[in-house]
Amino acid sequence: MDKYQEFGHLYDRFIDQIYRFIFLKVQSSQIAEDLTSEVFLKIWTKYLDKGKPIKHPSSLLYRTARNVLTDYYRKHPKKLISLEDYPREISDSFQKIETEIIQEETLKVVFNSLTRLKEEEQDVIIWYYIENLSIAEISQILNKKENTVRVMIHRAIQKLREIIEKENNDKKM
């Protein structure tokens, strides 16, 4: 397979996942499209165009997406958006997180609470619960042991649960 075919294969296979991951972080479809393009451009210029082999494409793409997002965040502060601004496909994905964390909470509370977590905590929750990546895949992306990733996910869910409970208690007062 030549480099153009390989790029086409990577693009077709991962475009939706990388876009969704970035969209969940930047909360704008136009910005997500631009950053997703930047991710694939970097993969092209740093690997495929130079003939470098890619052993773990999903890990490389997510790692590159994180780096692109980091660059973006340096220039643009984060802001919250309402659940209605999300495409149906993404808001449906959050149903799985909602069930895992606390069933009686609304999806909006879960998402707003998720944005209060550290970047790496947000990432592991998104990758595991929304993108359905395995522990092994996440450990490759983060370059950490699988056991460490399991603990990270567990702690992130615990922290998310605490944020939601605190917010509920604050609302009752």
Protein backbone atom coordinates (compact mmCIF):
# COMPACT_ATOMS: atom_id res chain seq x y z
CA MET A 1 0.00 0.00 0.00
CA ASP A 2 1.46 3.38 -0.96
CA LYS A 3 1.46 6.40 1.36
CA TYR A 4 -1.65 7.92 -0.26
CA GLN A 5 -3.65 4.74 0.20
CA GLU A 6 -2.40 4.39 3.77
CA PHE A 7 -3.44 7.97 4.52
CA GLY A 8 -6.87 7.38 2.97
CA HIS A 9 -7.28 4.23 5.02
CA LEU A 10 -6.30 6.01 8.27
CA TYR A 11 -8.54 8.95 7.46
CA ASP A 12 -11.57 6.81 6.66
CA ARG A 13 -11.04 4.60 9.71
CA PHE A 14 -10.43 7.30 12.32
CA ILE A 15 -11.91 10.60 11.13
CA ASP A 16 -15.18 10.26 13.07
CA GLN A 17 -13.47 9.18 16.30
CA ILE A 18 -10.84 11.93 16.23
CA TYR A 19 -13.43 14.56 15.31
CA ARG A 20 -15.75 13.45 18.13
CA PHE A 21 -12.89 13.47 20.66
CA ILE A 22 -11.84 16.98 19.63
CA PHE A 23 -15.44 18.23 19.45
CA LEU A 24 -16.08 17.11 23.00
CA LYS A 25 -13.12 19.18 24.10
CA VAL A 26 -13.58 22.39 22.06
CA GLN A 27 -17.37 22.36 21.87
CA SER A 28 -17.54 23.84 18.37
CA SER A 29 -18.04 21.90 15.16
CA GLN A 30 -16.12 24.42 13.05
CA ILE A 31 -13.12 24.46 15.39
CA ALA A 32 -13.28 20.67 15.74
CA GLU A 33 -13.18 20.30 11.95
CA ASP A 34 -10.16 22.61 11.72
CA LEU A 35 -8.28 20.85 14.52
CA THR A 36 -9.14 17.41 13.15
CA SER A 37 -7.71 18.48 9.79
CA GLU A 38 -4.59 19.65 11.60
CA VAL A 39 -4.22 16.25 13.28
CA PHE A 40 -4.34 14.41 9.96
CA LEU A 41 -2.03 16.95 8.34
CA LYS A 42 0.54 16.34 11.09
CA ILE A 43 0.28 12.58 10.62
CA TRP A 44 0.84 13.08 6.91
CA THR A 45 3.82 15.43 7.21
CA LYS A 46 5.57 13.73 10.14
CA TYR A 47 5.01 10.09 9.21
CA LEU A 48 3.40 9.07 5.96
CA ASP A 49 5.05 11.60 3.65
CA LYS A 50 8.45 10.67 5.12
CA GLY A 51 7.76 6.94 4.86
CA LYS A 52 7.86 6.36 8.63
CA PRO A 53 5.88 3.31 9.72
CA ILE A 54 2.92 3.70 12.06
CA LYS A 55 2.61 0.73 14.42
CA HIS A 56 -0.36 1.87 16.50
CA PRO A 57 -2.43 4.32 14.44
CA SER A 58 -5.17 5.00 17.00
CA SER A 59 -2.60 5.75 19.70
CA LEU A 60 -0.66 8.05 17.40
CA LEU A 61 -3.81 9.86 16.25
CA TYR A 62 -5.16 10.41 19.76
CA ARG A 63 -1.77 11.52 21.04
CA THR A 64 -1.48 13.95 18.13
CA ALA A 65 -5.03 15.16 18.81
CA ARG A 66 -4.11 15.82 22.45
CA ASN A 67 -1.08 17.82 21.35
CA VAL A 68 -3.14 19.83 18.86
CA LEU A 69 -5.71 20.49 21.60
CA THR A 70 -2.98 21.60 24.00
CA ASP A 71 -1.75 24.10 21.41
CA TYR A 72 -5.31 25.28 20.87
CA TYR A 73 -5.96 25.71 24.62
CA ARG A 74 -2.86 27.85 24.97
CA LYS A 75 -4.45 30.37 22.62
CA HIS A 76 -8.14 29.99 23.57
CA PRO A 77 -9.71 29.72 27.04
CA LYS A 78 -12.29 27.01 27.60
CA LYS A 79 -16.00 27.74 27.88
CA LEU A 80 -19.08 25.66 28.69
CA ILE A 81 -21.91 25.10 26.23
CA SER A 82 -25.36 23.71 26.64
CA LEU A 83 -26.30 20.16 25.80
CA GLU A 84 -28.56 21.36 22.99
CA ASP A 85 -25.46 22.50 21.06
CA TYR A 86 -24.19 18.94 20.67
CA PRO A 87 -24.87 16.77 17.63
CA ARG A 88 -27.33 13.99 18.44
CA GLU A 89 -24.66 11.28 18.00
CA ILE A 90 -22.44 12.79 20.69
CA SER A 91 -25.20 13.56 23.16
CA ASP A 92 -26.37 9.95 22.77
CA SER A 93 -22.86 8.75 23.63
CA PHE A 94 -23.01 10.60 26.92
CA GLN A 95 -25.95 8.42 27.96
CA LYS A 96 -23.45 5.66 28.73
CA ILE A 97 -21.45 7.90 31.08
CA GLU A 98 -24.63 9.11 32.73
CA THR A 99 -25.70 5.54 33.52
CA GLU A 100 -22.27 4.57 34.87
CA ILE A 101 -21.93 7.57 37.15
CA ILE A 102 -25.33 8.39 38.55
CA GLN A 103 -28.55 7.46 36.76
CA GLU A 104 -30.82 10.15 38.12
CA GLU A 105 -28.55 13.01 36.95
CA THR A 106 -29.14 14.75 33.69
CA LEU A 107 -26.62 14.58 30.88
CA LYS A 108 -25.98 18.30 31.18
CA VAL A 109 -24.86 17.98 34.81
CA VAL A 110 -22.53 15.12 33.88
CA PHE A 111 -20.94 17.03 31.03
CA ASN A 112 -20.52 20.26 32.99
CA SER A 113 -18.98 18.25 35.81
CA LEU A 114 -16.70 16.45 33.35
CA THR A 115 -15.25 19.78 32.26
CA ARG A 116 -14.13 20.39 35.85
CA LEU A 117 -11.80 17.40 35.76
CA LYS A 118 -8.17 17.65 34.73
CA GLU A 119 -7.51 17.15 31.03
CA GLU A 120 -6.08 13.67 31.46
CA GLU A 121 -9.07 12.60 33.57
CA GLN A 122 -11.46 13.92 30.92
CA ASP A 123 -9.51 12.11 28.23
CA VAL A 124 -9.59 8.68 29.89
CA ILE A 125 -13.34 8.95 30.54
CA ILE A 126 -14.04 10.04 26.96
CA TRP A 127 -11.80 7.36 25.47
CA TYR A 128 -13.12 4.55 27.65
CA TYR A 129 -16.83 5.34 27.86
CA ILE A 130 -17.53 7.26 24.65
CA GLU A 131 -14.91 6.06 22.20
CA ASN A 132 -14.98 2.52 23.65
CA LEU A 133 -11.20 2.24 23.54
CA SER A 134 -9.73 -0.64 25.49
CA ILE A 135 -7.51 -0.22 28.52
CA ALA A 136 -4.61 -1.44 26.34
CA GLU A 137 -5.28 1.22 23.69
CA ILE A 138 -5.53 3.98 26.28
CA SER A 139 -2.31 2.80 27.92
CA GLN A 140 -0.56 3.09 24.53
CA ILE A 141 -1.91 6.61 23.98
CA LEU A 142 -0.79 7.75 27.42
CA ASN A 143 2.36 5.64 27.44
CA LYS A 144 1.37 4.23 30.84
CA LYS A 145 0.86 0.74 32.22
CA GLU A 146 -2.60 -0.80 31.85
CA ASN A 147 -3.02 -1.04 35.62
CA THR A 148 -2.25 2.66 35.91
CA VAL A 149 -4.93 3.43 33.31
CA ARG A 150 -7.50 1.32 35.19
CA VAL A 151 -6.76 3.25 38.36
CA MET A 152 -6.93 6.57 36.46
CA ILE A 153 -10.38 5.70 35.08
CA HIS A 154 -11.62 4.58 38.48
CA ARG A 155 -10.34 7.73 40.19
CA ALA A 156 -11.69 10.00 37.45
CA ILE A 157 -15.14 8.42 37.79
CA GLN A 158 -14.94 8.79 41.59
CA LYS A 159 -13.94 12.43 41.24
CA LEU A 160 -16.72 13.04 38.72
CA ARG A 161 -19.21 11.42 41.09
CA GLU A 162 -18.03 13.69 43.94
CA ILE A 163 -18.36 16.80 41.76
CA ILE A 164 -21.91 15.84 40.81
CA GLU A 165 -22.88 15.07 44.42
CA LYS A 166 -21.39 18.36 45.62
CA GLU A 167 -23.28 20.26 42.93
CA ASN A 168 -26.52 18.50 43.92
CA ASN A 169 -25.94 19.36 47.58
CA ASP A 170 -25.18 22.98 46.69
CA LYS A 171 -28.44 23.22 44.72
CA LYS A 172 -30.44 21.87 47.66
CA MET A 173 -29.15 24.60 49.96
